[in-house]
């Protein structure tokens, strides 16, 4: 996997969290940078760990399905991409409800937005790719995007977050297609 692909993957995986961060910031006039950074660190840490967990599970299963692993990666990444596009076209989550969540609900939200990263890690195990650099890229991108989303959320609203989620879904489908293409040629 090239560094460009890893960078794009990191951005794509951060779009769910970015959309949530924009929704969280949309109903508040001002969020202090320190609060935005703490939330970004929390989401980035969770989002960086989950692909490693998925990769570990996928690595265990890879030896059993080596003949068709590229198809599994393609189906998982494409299916996840389609889900993200579908959610990006739906109604945005109520920003007021998101902004009032206590810390433990914020952690659960972080895990909920990182399920896709776990699936990506699972798929990357089948593509015989190291997980360290993609996991770090996903975590750093999420930290950056959540911090930014919280800081600008009140200015741009939930519409941009939904468009970001659609873009992330398209990127996942492209990564799945590229994985399949590389293994079939």
Protein backbone atom coordinates (compact mmCIF):
# COMPACT_ATOMS: atom_id res chain seq x y z
CA UNK A 1 0.00 0.00 0.00
CA UNK A 2 1.46 3.35 -1.02
CA UNK A 3 1.79 6.29 1.33
CA UNK A 4 -0.73 8.21 -0.78
CA UNK A 5 -3.25 5.36 -0.43
CA UNK A 6 -2.61 5.22 3.33
CA UNK A 7 -3.10 8.99 3.63
CA UNK A 8 -6.37 8.84 1.69
CA UNK A 9 -7.51 5.83 3.72
CA UNK A 10 -6.81 7.76 6.95
CA UNK A 11 -8.93 10.65 5.74
CA UNK A 12 -11.72 8.34 4.59
CA UNK A 13 -11.85 6.59 7.95
CA UNK A 14 -12.07 9.90 9.79
CA UNK A 15 -15.19 11.11 7.97
CA UNK A 16 -17.70 9.46 10.34
CA UNK A 17 -16.03 11.08 13.32
CA UNK A 18 -15.74 14.37 11.41
CA UNK A 19 -19.49 14.36 10.74
CA UNK A 20 -20.20 13.72 14.43
CA UNK A 21 -17.79 16.47 15.45
CA UNK A 22 -19.47 18.97 13.14
CA UNK A 23 -22.84 17.98 14.59
CA UNK A 24 -21.46 18.41 18.11
CA UNK A 25 -20.11 21.85 17.28
CA UNK A 26 -23.13 22.97 15.26
CA UNK A 27 -25.25 23.89 18.31
CA UNK A 28 -22.52 25.60 20.28
CA UNK A 29 -21.29 29.12 19.68
CA UNK A 30 -17.76 28.40 20.85
CA UNK A 31 -15.79 25.33 21.78
CA UNK A 32 -12.43 25.97 23.46
CA UNK A 33 -9.47 24.56 21.56
CA UNK A 34 -8.43 22.47 24.58
CA UNK A 35 -11.85 20.76 24.66
CA UNK A 36 -11.78 20.16 20.91
CA UNK A 37 -8.26 18.74 21.13
CA UNK A 38 -9.14 16.43 24.06
CA UNK A 39 -12.13 15.09 22.15
CA UNK A 40 -10.00 14.73 19.03
CA UNK A 41 -7.37 12.78 20.99
CA UNK A 42 -10.04 10.47 22.40
CA UNK A 43 -11.57 9.76 19.00
CA UNK A 44 -8.13 9.47 17.35
CA UNK A 45 -6.92 6.96 19.93
CA UNK A 46 -10.02 4.81 19.58
CA UNK A 47 -9.97 5.07 15.79
CA UNK A 48 -6.26 4.14 15.71
CA UNK A 49 -6.71 1.06 17.91
CA UNK A 50 -9.72 -0.50 16.20
CA UNK A 51 -8.05 -1.26 12.84
CA UNK A 52 -5.30 -3.06 14.74
CA UNK A 53 -7.92 -5.22 16.46
CA UNK A 54 -9.59 -5.91 13.11
CA UNK A 55 -6.23 -6.71 11.52
CA UNK A 56 -5.40 -9.15 14.31
CA UNK A 57 -8.71 -10.95 13.80
CA UNK A 58 -8.22 -10.93 10.04
CA UNK A 59 -4.64 -12.23 10.33
CA UNK A 60 -5.90 -15.18 12.32
CA UNK A 61 -8.54 -15.94 9.70
CA UNK A 62 -6.32 -15.19 6.66
CA UNK A 63 -4.60 -18.57 6.60
CA UNK A 64 -7.99 -20.28 6.30
CA UNK A 65 -9.19 -18.24 3.33
CA UNK A 66 -5.94 -17.35 1.50
CA UNK A 67 -7.28 -18.39 -1.93
CA UNK A 68 -10.05 -15.77 -1.92
CA UNK A 69 -8.82 -13.19 0.58
CA UNK A 70 -8.76 -10.40 -2.01
CA UNK A 71 -12.47 -10.96 -2.65
CA UNK A 72 -13.17 -10.73 1.09
CA UNK A 73 -11.26 -7.44 1.31
CA UNK A 74 -13.13 -6.12 -1.74
CA UNK A 75 -16.57 -7.11 -0.42
CA UNK A 76 -15.91 -5.76 3.10
CA UNK A 77 -14.45 -2.45 1.96
CA UNK A 78 -17.04 -1.93 -0.79
CA UNK A 79 -19.94 -2.87 1.48
CA UNK A 80 -18.69 -0.50 4.14
CA UNK A 81 -18.25 2.22 1.53
CA UNK A 82 -21.81 1.73 0.30
CA UNK A 83 -23.09 1.92 3.89
CA UNK A 84 -21.22 5.17 4.44
CA UNK A 85 -22.65 6.63 1.23
CA UNK A 86 -26.15 5.55 2.26
CA UNK A 87 -25.76 7.12 5.71
CA UNK A 88 -24.28 10.24 4.15
CA UNK A 89 -27.43 10.66 2.06
CA UNK A 90 -29.75 10.21 5.06
CA UNK A 91 -30.93 12.68 7.65
CA UNK A 92 -28.22 14.12 9.90
CA UNK A 93 -28.20 13.17 13.59
CA UNK A 94 -29.71 15.79 15.88
CA UNK A 95 -26.76 18.00 16.77
CA UNK A 96 -28.27 19.04 20.10
CA UNK A 97 -28.44 15.43 21.28
CA UNK A 98 -24.84 14.77 20.21
CA UNK A 99 -23.45 17.89 21.91
CA UNK A 100 -24.95 17.00 25.31
CA UNK A 101 -23.42 13.53 25.64
CA UNK A 102 -21.48 12.75 28.83
CA UNK A 103 -17.91 11.38 28.62
CA UNK A 104 -18.85 7.69 28.57
CA UNK A 105 -21.31 8.34 25.74
CA UNK A 106 -18.57 10.23 23.94
CA UNK A 107 -16.37 7.12 24.24
CA UNK A 108 -19.21 4.96 22.90
CA UNK A 109 -19.67 7.41 20.03
CA UNK A 110 -15.95 7.12 19.31
CA UNK A 111 -16.24 3.34 19.17
CA UNK A 112 -19.37 3.54 17.02
CA UNK A 113 -17.60 5.73 14.47
CA UNK A 114 -14.58 3.40 14.48
CA UNK A 115 -16.34 0.15 13.58
CA UNK A 116 -15.59 0.89 9.93
CA UNK A 117 -11.89 1.20 10.80
CA UNK A 118 -12.03 -2.22 12.45
CA UNK A 119 -13.52 -3.69 9.28
CA UNK A 120 -10.82 -1.98 7.21
CA UNK A 121 -8.14 -3.48 9.47
CA UNK A 122 -9.77 -6.89 9.02
CA UNK A 123 -9.73 -6.39 5.25
CA UNK A 124 -6.10 -5.22 5.22
CA UNK A 125 -5.06 -8.44 6.93
CA UNK A 126 -6.37 -10.31 3.89
CA UNK A 127 -4.48 -7.94 1.60
CA UNK A 128 -1.27 -8.95 3.41
CA UNK A 129 -0.55 -5.35 4.41
CA UNK A 130 1.12 -4.09 7.57
CA UNK A 131 -1.33 -2.33 9.86
CA UNK A 132 1.03 0.01 11.75
CA UNK A 133 1.21 2.88 9.27
CA UNK A 134 -2.49 2.75 8.28
CA UNK A 135 -3.54 2.64 11.97
CA UNK A 136 -1.37 5.65 12.81
CA UNK A 137 -2.65 7.51 9.73
CA UNK A 138 -6.26 6.75 10.68
CA UNK A 139 -5.70 7.86 14.28
CA UNK A 140 -3.90 11.09 13.34
CA UNK A 141 -6.45 11.93 10.63
CA UNK A 142 -9.29 11.35 13.08
CA UNK A 143 -7.63 13.46 15.78
CA UNK A 144 -7.21 16.28 13.26
CA UNK A 145 -10.66 16.00 11.69
CA UNK A 146 -12.55 15.77 15.00
CA UNK A 147 -10.67 18.74 16.44
CA UNK A 148 -11.32 20.73 13.27
CA UNK A 149 -14.95 19.61 13.07
CA UNK A 150 -15.64 20.74 16.62
CA UNK A 151 -13.99 24.09 16.07
CA UNK A 152 -15.81 24.89 12.81
CA UNK A 153 -19.03 22.96 13.39
CA UNK A 154 -21.05 25.98 14.40
CA UNK A 155 -20.09 27.71 11.16
CA UNK A 156 -20.73 25.04 8.56
CA UNK A 157 -23.35 22.73 10.07
CA UNK A 158 -24.07 19.06 9.44
CA UNK A 159 -24.33 19.27 5.62
CA UNK A 160 -20.56 19.23 5.10
CA UNK A 161 -20.21 16.31 7.49
CA UNK A 162 -22.65 14.24 5.42
CA UNK A 163 -20.79 15.09 2.21
CA UNK A 164 -17.55 14.05 3.88
CA UNK A 165 -19.12 10.71 4.78
CA UNK A 166 -20.16 10.15 1.14
CA UNK A 167 -16.61 10.97 0.00
CA UNK A 168 -15.20 8.52 2.57
CA UNK A 169 -17.52 5.79 1.27
CA UNK A 170 -16.36 6.38 -2.31
CA UNK A 171 -12.73 6.15 -1.19
CA UNK A 172 -13.36 2.83 0.59
CA UNK A 173 -14.95 1.38 -2.54
CA UNK A 174 -11.92 2.56 -4.56
CA UNK A 175 -9.49 0.97 -2.07
CA UNK A 176 -11.45 -2.31 -2.22
CA UNK A 177 -11.45 -2.22 -6.00
CA UNK A 178 -7.72 -1.49 -6.10
CA UNK A 179 -7.03 -4.41 -3.74
CA UNK A 180 -9.03 -6.74 -5.99
CA UNK A 181 -7.38 -5.39 -9.13
CA UNK A 182 -3.85 -5.88 -7.72
CA UNK A 183 -4.55 -9.50 -6.77
CA UNK A 184 -6.29 -10.45 -10.02
CA UNK A 185 -3.66 -9.11 -12.41
